[in-house]
């Protein structure tokens, strides 16, 4: 009996530790839009705007990653501005407007966020 208690306690500690450390078990790319050729930041571009679903043991988070490539391992990271559960048609309505001074995106809920280019140039 005490062995099962030890096993269950260990599992509980590992689950709590993984949540506290923010360990991501898998990632799903929900949306990507890359910088058009007519916008030149005179940097290491072109840049891509991604929305990633970070799956954890007890839930998930949506993150925005602006990276220098189509890969999402390194870049400027922000939390997605809403926890609303989007279906595929709503992701298709996400609008990204690349401008010389940065980029602005708008969700299906009409939430707008502007990100100055200084925040993501160089891939940070």
PDB file of N, CA and C in Angstrom:
ATOM      1  N   UNK A   1       0.823  -1.201   0.000  1.00  0.00           N
ATOM      2  CA  UNK A   1       0.000   0.000   0.000  1.00  0.00           C
ATOM      3  C   UNK A   1       0.860   1.256   0.000  1.00  0.00           C
ATOM      4  N   UNK A   2       1.890   1.292   0.832  1.00  0.00           N
ATOM      5  CA  UNK A   2       2.719   2.489   0.908  1.00  0.00           C
ATOM      6  C   UNK A   2       3.490   2.711  -0.378  1.00  0.00           C
ATOM      7  N   UNK A   3       3.757   1.624  -1.162  1.00  0.00           N
ATOM      8  CA  UNK A   3       4.452   1.785  -2.439  1.00  0.00           C
ATOM      9  C   UNK A   3       3.582   2.565  -3.430  1.00  0.00           C
ATOM     10  N   UNK A   4       2.275   2.275  -3.459  1.00  0.00           N
ATOM     11  CA  UNK A   4       1.376   2.999  -4.338  1.00  0.00           C
ATOM     12  C   UNK A   4       1.268   4.456  -3.936  1.00  0.00           C
ATOM     13  N   UNK A   5       1.266   4.702  -2.647  1.00  0.00           N
ATOM     14  CA  UNK A   5       1.218   6.071  -2.155  1.00  0.00           C
ATOM     15  C   UNK A   5       2.469   6.836  -2.579  1.00  0.00           C
ATOM     16  N   UNK A   6       3.605   6.174  -2.515  1.00  0.00           N
ATOM     17  CA  UNK A   6       4.869   6.779  -2.947  1.00  0.00           C
ATOM     18  C   UNK A   6       4.842   7.068  -4.444  1.00  0.00           C
ATOM     19  N   UNK A   7       4.337   6.121  -5.242  1.00  0.00           N
ATOM     20  CA  UNK A   7       4.261   6.305  -6.690  1.00  0.00           C
ATOM     21  C   UNK A   7       3.322   7.473  -7.034  1.00  0.00           C
ATOM     22  N   UNK A   8       2.148   7.505  -6.428  1.00  0.00           N
ATOM     23  CA  UNK A   8       1.199   8.588  -6.684  1.00  0.00           C
ATOM     24  C   UNK A   8       1.743   9.939  -6.236  1.00  0.00           C
ATOM     25  N   UNK A   9       2.422   9.972  -5.115  1.00  0.00           N
ATOM     26  CA  UNK A   9       3.027  11.219  -4.628  1.00  0.00           C
ATOM     27  C   UNK A   9       4.103  11.702  -5.601  1.00  0.00           C
ATOM     28  N   UNK A  10       4.893  10.795  -6.113  1.00  0.00           N
ATOM     29  CA  UNK A  10       5.944  11.152  -7.071  1.00  0.00           C
ATOM     30  C   UNK A  10       5.338  11.714  -8.354  1.00  0.00           C
ATOM     31  N   UNK A  11       4.290  11.074  -8.845  1.00  0.00           N
ATOM     32  CA  UNK A  11       3.623  11.564 -10.056  1.00  0.00           C
ATOM     33  C   UNK A  11       3.052  12.958  -9.823  1.00  0.00           C
ATOM     34  N   UNK A  12       2.407  13.159  -8.693  1.00  0.00           N
ATOM     35  CA  UNK A  12       1.843  14.469  -8.373  1.00  0.00           C
ATOM     36  C   UNK A  12       2.927  15.539  -8.300  1.00  0.00           C
ATOM     37  N   UNK A  13       4.043  15.239  -7.687  1.00  0.00           N
ATOM     38  CA  UNK A  13       5.154  16.188  -7.591  1.00  0.00           C
ATOM     39  C   UNK A  13       5.687  16.510  -8.982  1.00  0.00           C
ATOM     40  N   UNK A  14       5.813  15.516  -9.861  1.00  0.00           N
ATOM     41  CA  UNK A  14       6.313  15.751 -11.213  1.00  0.00           C
ATOM     42  C   UNK A  14       5.343  16.612 -12.033  1.00  0.00           C
ATOM     43  N   UNK A  15       4.047  16.376 -11.888  1.00  0.00           N
ATOM     44  CA  UNK A  15       3.054  17.180 -12.601  1.00  0.00           C
ATOM     45  C   UNK A  15       3.107  18.626 -12.128  1.00  0.00           C
ATOM     46  N   UNK A  16       3.137  18.830 -10.822  1.00  0.00           N
ATOM     47  CA  UNK A  16       3.202  20.186 -10.269  1.00  0.00           C
ATOM     48  C   UNK A  16       4.493  20.877 -10.697  1.00  0.00           C
ATOM     49  N   UNK A  17       5.603  20.172 -10.664  1.00  0.00           N
ATOM     50  CA  UNK A  17       6.890  20.754 -11.064  1.00  0.00           C
ATOM     51  C   UNK A  17       6.878  21.141 -12.541  1.00  0.00           C
ATOM     52  N   UNK A  18       6.302  20.282 -13.402  1.00  0.00           N
ATOM     53  CA  UNK A  18       6.289  20.610 -14.834  1.00  0.00           C
ATOM     54  C   UNK A  18       5.426  21.840 -15.106  1.00  0.00           C
ATOM     55  N   UNK A  19       4.339  22.006 -14.357  1.00  0.00           N
ATOM     56  CA  UNK A  19       3.493  23.192 -14.530  1.00  0.00           C
ATOM     57  C   UNK A  19       4.199  24.435 -14.001  1.00  0.00           C
ATOM     58  N   UNK A  20       4.849  24.326 -12.860  1.00  0.00           N
ATOM     59  CA  UNK A  20       5.544  25.487 -12.292  1.00  0.00           C
ATOM     60  C   UNK A  20       6.707  25.921 -13.170  1.00  0.00           C
ATOM     61  N   UNK A  21       7.372  24.965 -13.806  1.00  0.00           N
ATOM     62  CA  UNK A  21       8.503  25.283 -14.678  1.00  0.00           C
ATOM     63  C   UNK A  21       8.061  25.662 -16.088  1.00  0.00           C
ATOM     64  N   UNK A  22       6.781  25.497 -16.385  1.00  0.00           N
ATOM     65  CA  UNK A  22       6.262  25.856 -17.701  1.00  0.00           C
ATOM     66  C   UNK A  22       6.718  24.932 -18.808  1.00  0.00           C
ATOM     67  N   UNK A  23       6.910  23.671 -18.492  1.00  0.00           N
ATOM     68  CA  UNK A  23       7.380  22.720 -19.495  1.00  0.00           C
ATOM     69  C   UNK A  23       6.293  22.489 -20.538  1.00  0.00           C
ATOM     70  N   UNK A  24       6.671  22.631 -21.797  1.00  0.00           N
ATOM     71  CA  UNK A  24       5.765  22.422 -22.916  1.00  0.00           C
ATOM     72  C   UNK A  24       6.036  21.047 -23.502  1.00  0.00           C
ATOM     73  N   UNK A  25       4.986  20.244 -23.625  1.00  0.00           N
ATOM     74  CA  UNK A  25       5.141  18.876 -24.110  1.00  0.00           C
ATOM     75  C   UNK A  25       4.983  18.787 -25.615  1.00  0.00           C
ATOM     76  N   UNK A  26       4.233  19.694 -26.213  1.00  0.00           N
ATOM     77  CA  UNK A  26       4.119  19.738 -27.667  1.00  0.00           C
ATOM     78  C   UNK A  26       3.670  21.138 -28.078  1.00  0.00           C
ATOM     79  N   UNK A  27       3.868  21.432 -29.363  1.00  0.00           N
ATOM     80  CA  UNK A  27       3.508  22.746 -29.895  1.00  0.00           C
ATOM     81  C   UNK A  27       2.750  22.552 -31.204  1.00  0.00           C
ATOM     82  N   UNK A  28       1.693  23.332 -31.369  1.00  0.00           N
ATOM     83  CA  UNK A  28       0.933  23.309 -32.612  1.00  0.00           C
ATOM     84  C   UNK A  28       0.955  24.700 -33.223  1.00  0.00           C
ATOM     85  N   UNK A  29       1.347  24.788 -34.481  1.00  0.00           N
ATOM     86  CA  UNK A  29       1.357  26.073 -35.182  1.00  0.00           C
ATOM     87  C   UNK A  29      -0.056  26.332 -35.687  1.00  0.00           C
ATOM     88  N   UNK A  30      -0.698  27.393 -35.182  1.00  0.00           N
ATOM     89  CA  UNK A  30      -2.078  27.699 -35.530  1.00  0.00           C
ATOM     90  C   UNK A  30      -2.196  28.682 -36.685  1.00  0.00           C
ATOM     91  N   UNK A  31      -1.204  29.576 -36.802  1.00  0.00           N
ATOM     92  CA  UNK A  31      -1.286  30.632 -37.815  1.00  0.00           C
ATOM     93  C   UNK A  31       0.120  31.131 -38.109  1.00  0.00           C
ATOM     94  N   UNK A  32       0.383  31.453 -39.380  1.00  0.00           N
ATOM     95  CA  UNK A  32       1.661  32.045 -39.778  1.00  0.00           C
ATOM     96  C   UNK A  32       1.419  33.073 -40.877  1.00  0.00           C
ATOM     97  N   UNK A  33       2.090  34.215 -40.755  1.00  0.00           N
ATOM     98  CA  UNK A  33       2.079  35.239 -41.807  1.00  0.00           C
ATOM     99  C   UNK A  33       3.483  35.824 -41.873  1.00  0.00           C
ATOM    100  N   UNK A  34       4.082  35.803 -43.058  1.00  0.00           N
ATOM    101  CA  UNK A  34       5.456  36.304 -43.198  1.00  0.00           C
ATOM    102  C   UNK A  34       5.471  37.689 -43.838  1.00  0.00           C
ATOM    103  N   UNK A  35       6.526  38.403 -43.528  1.00  0.00           N
ATOM    104  CA  UNK A  35       6.733  39.782 -43.989  1.00  0.00           C
ATOM    105  C   UNK A  35       6.749  39.838 -45.516  1.00  0.00           C
ATOM    106  N   UNK A  36       5.984  40.755 -46.106  1.00  0.00           N
ATOM    107  CA  UNK A  36       6.015  40.893 -47.571  1.00  0.00           C
ATOM    108  C   UNK A  36       7.316  41.543 -48.035  1.00  0.00           C
ATOM    109  N   UNK A  37       7.662  41.328 -49.282  1.00  0.00           N
ATOM    110  CA  UNK A  37       8.919  41.852 -49.824  1.00  0.00           C
ATOM    111  C   UNK A  37       8.970  43.367 -49.838  1.00  0.00           C
ATOM    112  N   UNK A  38       7.825  44.025 -49.968  1.00  0.00           N
ATOM    113  CA  UNK A  38       7.836  45.495 -50.059  1.00  0.00           C
ATOM    114  C   UNK A  38       8.158  46.179 -48.739  1.00  0.00           C
ATOM    115  N   UNK A  39       8.126  45.453 -47.621  1.00  0.00           N
ATOM    116  CA  UNK A  39       8.515  46.009 -46.317  1.00  0.00           C
ATOM    117  C   UNK A  39       9.951  45.577 -46.046  1.00  0.00           C
ATOM    118  N   UNK A  40      10.849  46.552 -45.897  1.00  0.00           N
ATOM    119  CA  UNK A  40      12.268  46.254 -45.661  1.00  0.00           C
ATOM    120  C   UNK A  40      12.695  46.921 -44.356  1.00  0.00           C
ATOM    121  N   UNK A  41      12.999  46.104 -43.348  1.00  0.00           N
ATOM    122  CA  UNK A  41      13.436  46.626 -42.051  1.00  0.00           C
ATOM    123  C   UNK A  41      14.949  46.830 -41.985  1.00  0.00           C
ATOM    124  N   UNK A  42      15.662  46.538 -43.076  1.00  0.00           N
ATOM    125  CA  UNK A  42      17.127  46.636 -43.106  1.00  0.00           C
ATOM    126  C   UNK A  42      17.731  45.865 -41.931  1.00  0.00           C
ATOM    127  N   UNK A  43      17.250  44.652 -41.808  1.00  0.00           N
ATOM    128  CA  UNK A  43      17.680  43.788 -40.714  1.00  0.00           C
ATOM    129  C   UNK A  43      17.852  42.380 -41.258  1.00  0.00           C
ATOM    130  N   UNK A  44      17.688  41.398 -40.402  1.00  0.00           N
ATOM    131  CA  UNK A  44      17.925  40.010 -40.765  1.00  0.00           C
ATOM    132  C   UNK A  44      16.688  39.316 -41.314  1.00  0.00           C
ATOM    133  N   UNK A  45      15.754  40.060 -41.847  1.00  0.00           N
ATOM    134  CA  UNK A  45      14.492  39.491 -42.291  1.00  0.00           C
ATOM    135  C   UNK A  45      14.640  38.563 -43.480  1.00  0.00           C
ATOM    136  N   UNK A  46      13.558  38.061 -44.004  1.00  0.00           N
ATOM    137  CA  UNK A  46      12.193  38.406 -43.636  1.00  0.00           C
ATOM    138  C   UNK A  46      11.770  37.752 -42.322  1.00  0.00           C
ATOM    139  N   UNK A  47      10.845  38.408 -41.651  1.00  0.00           N
ATOM    140  CA  UNK A  47      10.330  37.925 -40.379  1.00  0.00           C
ATOM    141  C   UNK A  47       8.976  37.251 -40.595  1.00  0.00           C
ATOM    142  N   UNK A  48       8.628  36.365 -39.670  1.00  0.00           N
ATOM    143  CA  UNK A  48       7.329  35.702 -39.728  1.00  0.00           C
ATOM    144  C   UNK A  48       6.623  35.856 -38.387  1.00  0.00           C
ATOM    145  N   UNK A  49       5.326  36.048 -38.449  1.00  0.00           N
ATOM    146  CA  UNK A  49       4.449  36.166 -37.289  1.00  0.00           C
ATOM    147  C   UNK A  49       3.744  34.822 -37.136  1.00  0.00           C
ATOM    148  N   UNK A  50       3.883  34.204 -35.963  1.00  0.00           N
ATOM    149  CA  UNK A  50       3.286  32.892 -35.719  1.00  0.00           C
ATOM    150  C   UNK A  50       2.406  32.954 -34.472  1.00  0.00           C
ATOM    151  N   UNK A  51       1.330  32.195 -34.489  1.00  0.00           N
ATOM    152  CA  UNK A  51       0.571  31.921 -33.273  1.00  0.00           C
ATOM    153  C   UNK A  51       0.752  30.435 -33.005  1.00  0.00           C
ATOM    154  N   UNK A  52       1.261  30.143 -31.810  1.00  0.00           N
ATOM    155  CA  UNK A  52       1.599  28.774 -31.432  1.00  0.00           C
ATOM    156  C   UNK A  52       0.775  28.377 -30.209  1.00  0.00           C
ATOM    157  N   UNK A  53       0.249  27.175 -30.233  1.00  0.00           N
ATOM    158  CA  UNK A  53      -0.432  26.619 -29.065  1.00  0.00           C
ATOM    159  C   UNK A  53       0.579  25.748 -28.327  1.00  0.00           C
ATOM    160  N   UNK A  54       0.921  26.157 -27.108  1.00  0.00           N
ATOM    161  CA  UNK A  54       1.897  25.446 -26.282  1.00  0.00           C
ATOM    162  C   UNK A  54       1.131  24.500 -25.353  1.00  0.00           C
ATOM    163  N   UNK A  55       1.223  23.200 -25.616  1.00  0.00           N
ATOM    164  CA  UNK A  55       0.486  22.204 -24.843  1.00  0.00           C
ATOM    165  C   UNK A  55       1.286  21.773 -23.625  1.00  0.00           C
ATOM    166  N   UNK A  56       0.626  21.863 -22.485  1.00  0.00           N
ATOM    167  CA  UNK A  56       1.237  21.459 -21.221  1.00  0.00           C
ATOM    168  C   UNK A  56       0.396  20.344 -20.621  1.00  0.00           C
ATOM    169  N   UNK A  57       0.834  19.788 -19.529  1.00  0.00           N
ATOM    170  CA  UNK A  57       0.092  18.682 -18.925  1.00  0.00           C
ATOM    171  C   UNK A  57      -1.318  19.063 -18.514  1.00  0.00           C
ATOM    172  N   UNK A  58      -1.500  20.233 -17.942  1.00  0.00           N
ATOM    173  CA  UNK A  58      -2.795  20.630 -17.405  1.00  0.00           C
ATOM    174  C   UNK A  58      -3.468  21.739 -18.205  1.00  0.00           C
ATOM    175  N   UNK A  59      -3.163  21.843 -19.475  1.00  0.00           N
ATOM    176  CA  UNK A  59      -3.786  22.872 -20.294  1.00  0.00           C
ATOM    177  C   UNK A  59      -2.873  23.334 -21.411  1.00  0.00           C
ATOM    178  N   UNK A  60      -3.139  24.521 -21.901  1.00  0.00           N
ATOM    179  CA  UNK A  60      -2.319  25.080 -22.975  1.00  0.00           C
ATOM    180  C   UNK A  60      -2.325  26.602 -22.889  1.00  0.00           C
ATOM    181  N   UNK A  61      -1.371  27.198 -23.591  1.00  0.00           N
ATOM    182  CA  UNK A  61      -1.283  28.653 -23.733  1.00  0.00           C
ATOM    183  C   UNK A  61      -1.068  28.953 -25.205  1.00  0.00           C
ATOM    184  N   UNK A  62      -1.572  30.098 -25.645  1.00  0.00           N
ATOM    185  CA  UNK A  62      -1.293  30.547 -26.999  1.00  0.00           C
ATOM    186  C   UNK A  62      -0.244  31.649 -26.915  1.00  0.00           C
ATOM    187  N   UNK A  63       0.784  31.525 -27.734  1.00  0.00           N
ATOM    188  CA  UNK A  63       1.875  32.497 -27.760  1.00  0.00           C
ATOM    189  C   UNK A  63       2.027  33.051 -29.172  1.00  0.00           C
ATOM    190  N   UNK A  64       2.457  34.284 -29.249  1.00  0.00           N
ATOM    191  CA  UNK A  64       2.852  34.906 -30.511  1.00  0.00           C
ATOM    192  C   UNK A  64       4.367  34.862 -30.548  1.00  0.00           C
ATOM    193  N   UNK A  65       4.905  34.398 -31.645  1.00  0.00           N
ATOM    194  CA  UNK A  65       6.353  34.389 -31.830  1.00  0.00           C
ATOM    195  C   UNK A  65       6.641  35.066 -33.166  1.00  0.00           C
ATOM    196  N   UNK A  66       7.467  36.110 -33.115  1.00  0.00           N
ATOM    197  CA  UNK A  66       7.921  36.765 -34.338  1.00  0.00           C
ATOM    198  C   UNK A  66       9.372  36.361 -34.515  1.00  0.00           C
ATOM    199  N   UNK A  67       9.631  35.605 -35.573  1.00  0.00           N
ATOM    200  CA  UNK A  67      10.957  35.033 -35.767  1.00  0.00           C
ATOM    201  C   UNK A  67      11.515  35.423 -37.134  1.00  0.00           C
ATOM    202  N   UNK A  68      12.819  35.185 -37.296  1.00  0.00           N
ATOM    203  CA  UNK A  68      13.485  35.537 -38.550  1.00  0.00           C
ATOM    204  C   UNK A  68      13.228  34.504 -39.643  1.00  0.00           C
ATOM    205  N   UNK A  69      12.701  33.388 -39.282  1.00  0.00           N
ATOM    206  CA  UNK A  69      12.457  32.321 -40.256  1.00  0.00           C
ATOM    207  C   UNK A  69      11.088  31.711 -39.977  1.00  0.00           C
ATOM    208  N   UNK A  70      10.787  30.660 -40.716  1.00  0.00           N
ATOM    209  CA  UNK A  70       9.535  29.941 -40.486  1.00  0.00           C
ATOM    210  C   UNK A  70       9.614  29.089 -39.221  1.00  0.00           C
ATOM    211  N   UNK A  71      10.803  28.915 -38.669  1.00  0.00           N
ATOM    212  CA  UNK A  71      10.954  28.160 -37.432  1.00  0.00           C
ATOM    213  C   UNK A  71      10.549  29.016 -36.242  1.00  0.00           C
ATOM    214  N   UNK A  72      10.067  28.386 -35.183  1.00  0.00           N
ATOM    215  CA  UNK A  72       9.567  29.122 -34.020  1.00  0.00           C
ATOM    216  C   UNK A  72      10.369  28.844 -32.751  1.00  0.00           C
ATOM    217  N   UNK A  73      11.609  28.377 -32.913  1.00  0.00           N
ATOM    218  CA  UNK A  73      12.419  28.064 -31.739  1.00  0.00           C
ATOM    219  C   UNK A  73      13.008  29.305 -31.073  1.00  0.00           C
ATOM    220  N   UNK A  74      13.162  30.383 -31.824  1.00  0.00           N
ATOM    221  CA  UNK A  74      13.782  31.584 -31.288  1.00  0.00           C
ATOM    222  C   UNK A  74      13.113  32.799 -31.905  1.00  0.00           C
ATOM    223  N   UNK A  75      12.800  33.800 -31.082  1.00  0.00           N
ATOM    224  CA  UNK A  75      12.196  35.013 -31.595  1.00  0.00           C
ATOM    225  C   UNK A  75      11.607  35.841 -30.471  1.00  0.00           C
ATOM    226  N   UNK A  76      10.889  36.873 -30.849  1.00  0.00           N
ATOM    227  CA  UNK A  76      10.206  37.743 -29.886  1.00  0.00           C
ATOM    228  C   UNK A  76       8.897  37.068 -29.499  1.00  0.00           C
ATOM    229  N   UNK A  77       8.673  36.847 -28.189  1.00  0.00           N
ATOM    230  CA  UNK A  77       7.521  36.074 -27.715  1.00  0.00           C
ATOM    231  C   UNK A  77       6.585  36.959 -26.902  1.00  0.00           C
ATOM    232  N   UNK A  78       5.283  36.832 -27.183  1.00  0.00           N
ATOM    233  CA  UNK A  78       4.236  37.529 -26.438  1.00  0.00           C
ATOM    234  C   UNK A  78       3.108  36.547 -26.156  1.00  0.00           C
ATOM    235  N   UNK A  79       2.334  36.823 -25.124  1.00  0.00           N
ATOM    236  CA  UNK A  79       1.121  36.051 -24.889  1.00  0.00           C
ATOM    237  C   UNK A  79       0.055  36.507 -25.873  1.00  0.00           C
ATOM    238  N   UNK A  80      -0.726  35.569 -26.382  1.00  0.00           N
ATOM    239  CA  UNK A  80      -1.841  35.927 -27.256  1.00  0.00           C
ATOM    240  C   UNK A  80      -2.854  36.696 -26.421  1.00  0.00           C
ATOM    241  N   UNK A  81      -3.456  37.771 -26.946  1.00  0.00           N
ATOM    242  CA  UNK A  81      -4.246  38.688 -26.105  1.00  0.00           C
ATOM    243  C   UNK A  81      -5.608  38.178 -25.626  1.00  0.00           C
ATOM    244  N   UNK A  82      -6.032  37.001 -26.039  1.00  0.00           N
ATOM    245  CA  UNK A  82      -7.332  36.503 -25.583  1.00  0.00           C
ATOM    246  C   UNK A  82      -7.284  34.998 -25.379  1.00  0.00           C
ATOM    247  N   UNK A  83      -8.067  34.514 -24.436  1.00  0.00           N
ATOM    248  CA  UNK A  83      -8.163  33.074 -24.196  1.00  0.00           C
ATOM    249  C   UNK A  83      -9.335  32.459 -24.937  1.00  0.00           C
ATOM    250  N   UNK A  84     -10.019  33.268 -25.735  1.00  0.00           N
ATOM    251  CA  UNK A  84     -11.158  32.775 -26.502  1.00  0.00           C
ATOM    252  C   UNK A  84     -10.733  31.560 -27.321  1.00  0.00           C
ATOM    253  N   UNK A  85     -11.560  30.542 -27.359  1.00  0.00           N
ATOM    254  CA  UNK A  85     -11.271  29.345 -28.148  1.00  0.00           C
ATOM    255  C   UNK A  85     -11.693  29.612 -29.593  1.00  0.00           C
ATOM    256  N   UNK A  86     -10.735  29.623 -30.476  1.00  0.00           N
ATOM    257  CA  UNK A  86     -10.996  29.903 -31.874  1.00  0.00           C
ATOM    258  C   UNK A  86     -11.200  28.604 -32.644  1.00  0.00           C
ATOM    259  N   UNK A  87     -12.118  28.628 -33.600  1.00  0.00           N
ATOM    260  CA  UNK A  87     -12.184  27.513 -34.533  1.00  0.00           C
ATOM    261  C   UNK A  87     -11.385  27.917 -35.778  1.00  0.00           C
ATOM    262  N   UNK A  88     -11.234  27.006 -36.703  1.00  0.00           N
ATOM    263  CA  UNK A  88     -10.380  27.243 -37.885  1.00  0.00           C
ATOM    264  C   UNK A  88     -10.809  28.498 -38.649  1.00  0.00           C
ATOM    265  N   UNK A  89     -12.111  28.730 -38.784  1.00  0.00           N
ATOM    266  CA  UNK A  89     -12.570  29.896 -39.558  1.00  0.00           C
ATOM    267  C   UNK A  89     -12.149  31.207 -38.894  1.00  0.00           C
ATOM    268  N   UNK A  90     -12.086  31.231 -37.565  1.00  0.00           N
ATOM    269  CA  UNK A  90     -11.658  32.453 -36.877  1.00  0.00           C
ATOM    270  C   UNK A  90     -10.159  32.689 -37.045  1.00  0.00           C
ATOM    271  N   UNK A  91      -9.372  31.611 -37.098  1.00  0.00           N
ATOM    272  CA  UNK A  91      -7.930  31.796 -37.342  1.00  0.00           C
ATOM    273  C   UNK A  91      -7.703  32.370 -38.731  1.00  0.00           C
ATOM    274  N   UNK A  92      -8.542  31.989 -39.677  1.00  0.00           N
ATOM    275  CA  UNK A  92      -8.406  32.508 -41.036  1.00  0.00           C
ATOM    276  C   UNK A  92      -8.744  34.000 -41.115  1.00  0.00           C
ATOM    277  N   UNK A  93      -9.477  34.511 -40.129  1.00  0.00           N
ATOM    278  CA  UNK A  93      -9.823  35.935 -40.084  1.00  0.00           C
ATOM    279  C   UNK A  93      -8.742  36.788 -39.409  1.00  0.00           C
ATOM    280  N   UNK A  94      -7.756  36.164 -38.791  1.00  0.00           N
ATOM    281  CA  UNK A  94      -6.674  36.909 -38.157  1.00  0.00           C
ATOM    282  C   UNK A  94      -5.951  37.709 -39.238  1.00  0.00           C
ATOM    283  N   UNK A  95      -5.789  38.984 -38.995  1.00  0.00           N
ATOM    284  CA  UNK A  95      -5.186  39.884 -39.982  1.00  0.00           C
ATOM    285  C   UNK A  95      -3.865  40.413 -39.439  1.00  0.00           C
ATOM    286  N   UNK A  96      -2.827  40.338 -40.257  1.00  0.00           N
ATOM    287  CA  UNK A  96      -1.518  40.886 -39.891  1.00  0.00           C
ATOM    288  C   UNK A  96      -1.167  41.953 -40.922  1.00  0.00           C
ATOM    289  N   UNK A  97      -0.908  43.165 -40.428  1.00  0.00           N
ATOM    290  CA  UNK A  97      -0.572  44.296 -41.282  1.00  0.00           C
ATOM    291  C   UNK A  97       0.883  44.685 -41.014  1.00  0.00           C
ATOM    292  N   UNK A  98       1.768  44.341 -41.946  1.00  0.00           N
ATOM    293  CA  UNK A  98       3.188  44.693 -41.818  1.00  0.00           C
ATOM    294  C   UNK A  98       3.363  46.133 -42.272  1.00  0.00           C
ATOM    295  N   UNK A  99       4.011  46.946 -41.438  1.00  0.00           N
ATOM    296  CA  UNK A  99       4.236  48.362 -41.731  1.00  0.00           C
ATOM    297  C   UNK A  99       5.714  48.680 -41.563  1.00  0.00           C
ATOM    298  N   UNK A 100       6.189  49.777 -42.130  1.00  0.00           N
ATOM    299  CA  UNK A 100       7.591  50.152 -41.945  1.00  0.00           C
ATOM    300  C   UNK A 100       7.970  50.347 -40.471  1.00  0.00           C
ATOM    301  N   UNK A 101       7.018  50.749 -39.621  1.00  0.00           N
ATOM    302  CA  UNK A 101       7.322  50.995 -38.205  1.00  0.00           C
ATOM    303  C   UNK A 101       7.076  49.778 -37.303  1.00  0.00           C
ATOM    304  N   UNK A 102       6.565  48.672 -37.872  1.00  0.00           N
ATOM    305  CA  UNK A 102       6.306  47.461 -37.088  1.00  0.00           C
ATOM    306  C   UNK A 102       5.178  46.663 -37.710  1.00  0.00           C
ATOM    307  N   UNK A 103       4.447  45.952 -36.878  1.00  0.00           N
ATOM    308  CA  UNK A 103       3.298  45.212 -37.397  1.00  0.00           C
ATOM    309  C   UNK A 103       2.122  45.336 -36.442  1.00  0.00           C
ATOM    310  N   UNK A 104       0.940  45.232 -37.010  1.00  0.00           N
ATOM    311  CA  UNK A 104      -0.282  45.238 -36.213  1.00  0.00           C
ATOM    312  C   UNK A 104      -1.082  44.009 -36.612  1.00  0.00           C
ATOM    313  N   UNK A 105      -1.644  43.332 -35.620  1.00  0.00           N
ATOM    314  CA  UNK A 105      -2.531  42.227 -35.945  1.00  0.00           C
ATOM    315  C   UNK A 105      -3.870  42.450 -35.269  1.00  0.00           C
ATOM    316  N   UNK A 106      -4.878  41.863 -35.885  1.00  0.00           N
ATOM    317  CA  UNK A 106      -6.240  41.986 -35.384  1.00  0.00           C
ATOM    318  C   UNK A 106      -6.868  40.600 -35.352  1.00  0.00           C
ATOM    319  N   UNK A 107      -7.465  40.250 -34.205  1.00  0.00           N
ATOM    320  CA  UNK A 107      -8.107  38.945 -34.055  1.00  0.00           C
ATOM    321  C   UNK A 107      -9.534  38.996 -34.595  1.00  0.00           C
ATOM    322  N   UNK A 108     -10.169  37.853 -34.648  1.00  0.00           N
ATOM    323  CA  UNK A 108     -11.567  37.770 -35.082  1.00  0.00           C
ATOM    324  C   UNK A 108     -12.489  38.537 -34.139  1.00  0.00           C
ATOM    325  N   UNK A 109     -12.051  38.762 -32.893  1.00  0.00           N
ATOM    326  CA  UNK A 109     -12.838  39.512 -31.909  1.00  0.00           C
ATOM    327  C   UNK A 109     -12.590  41.014 -31.991  1.00  0.00           C
ATOM    328  N   UNK A 110     -11.832  41.435 -33.008  1.00  0.00           N
ATOM    329  CA  UNK A 110     -11.498  42.850 -33.253  1.00  0.00           C
ATOM    330  C   UNK A 110     -10.525  43.416 -32.210  1.00  0.00           C
ATOM    331  N   UNK A 111      -9.769  42.547 -31.549  1.00  0.00           N
ATOM    332  CA  UNK A 111      -8.696  42.989 -30.650  1.00  0.00           C
ATOM    333  C   UNK A 111      -7.494  43.310 -31.528  1.00  0.00           C
ATOM    334  N   UNK A 112      -6.953  44.534 -31.398  1.00  0.00           N
ATOM    335  CA  UNK A 112      -5.797  44.962 -32.192  1.00  0.00           C
ATOM    336  C   UNK A 112      -4.590  45.153 -31.289  1.00  0.00           C
ATOM    337  N   UNK A 113      -3.445  44.697 -31.778  1.00  0.00           N
ATOM    338  CA  UNK A 113      -2.182  44.864 -31.049  1.00  0.00           C
ATOM    339  C   UNK A 113      -1.123  45.324 -32.041  1.00  0.00           C
ATOM    340  N   UNK A 114      -0.407  46.405 -31.680  1.00  0.00           N
ATOM    341  CA  UNK A 114       0.705  46.900 -32.493  1.00  0.00           C
ATOM    342  C   UNK A 114       2.012  46.505 -31.821  1.00  0.00           C
ATOM    343  N   UNK A 115       2.956  45.982 -32.607  1.00  0.00           N
ATOM    344  CA  UNK A 115       4.277  45.593 -32.106  1.00  0.00           C
ATOM    345  C   UNK A 115       5.318  46.391 -32.882  1.00  0.00           C
ATOM    346  N   UNK A 116       6.021  47.326 -32.221  1.00  0.00           N
ATOM    347  CA  UNK A 116       7.049  48.112 -32.917  1.00  0.00           C
ATOM    348  C   UNK A 116       8.170  47.216 -33.417  1.00  0.00           C
ATOM    349  N   UNK A 117       8.755  47.578 -34.554  1.00  0.00           N
ATOM    350  CA  UNK A 117       9.812  46.759 -35.146  1.00  0.00           C
ATOM    351  C   UNK A 117      11.009  46.603 -34.222  1.00  0.00           C
ATOM    352  N   UNK A 118      11.257  47.581 -33.355  1.00  0.00           N
ATOM    353  CA  UNK A 118      12.396  47.489 -32.445  1.00  0.00           C
ATOM    354  C   UNK A 118      12.265  46.300 -31.488  1.00  0.00           C
ATOM    355  N   UNK A 119      11.051  45.831 -31.279  1.00  0.00           N
ATOM    356  CA  UNK A 119      10.839  44.696 -30.374  1.00  0.00           C
ATOM    357  C   UNK A 119      11.247  43.368 -30.992  1.00  0.00           C
ATOM    358  N   UNK A 120      11.256  43.252 -32.313  1.00  0.00           N
ATOM    359  CA  UNK A 120      11.563  41.952 -32.916  1.00  0.00           C
ATOM    360  C   UNK A 120      12.739  41.952 -33.885  1.00  0.00           C
ATOM    361  N   UNK A 121      13.298  43.122 -34.230  1.00  0.00           N
ATOM    362  CA  UNK A 121      14.456  43.140 -35.127  1.00  0.00           C
ATOM    363  C   UNK A 121      15.623  42.390 -34.509  1.00  0.00           C
ATOM    364  N   UNK A 122      16.304  41.632 -35.329  1.00  0.00           N
ATOM    365  CA  UNK A 122      17.425  40.842 -34.837  1.00  0.00           C
ATOM    366  C   UNK A 122      16.978  39.512 -34.245  1.00  0.00           C
ATOM    367  N   UNK A 123      15.679  39.260 -34.205  1.00  0.00           N
ATOM    368  CA  UNK A 123      15.187  37.974 -33.749  1.00  0.00           C
ATOM    369  C   UNK A 123      14.943  37.849 -32.266  1.00  0.00           C
ATOM    370  N   UNK A 124      14.995  38.940 -31.499  1.00  0.00           N
ATOM    371  CA  UNK A 124      14.796  38.803 -30.057  1.00  0.00           C
ATOM    372  C   UNK A 124      13.357  38.845 -29.671  1.00  0.00           C
TER     373      UNK A 124
END
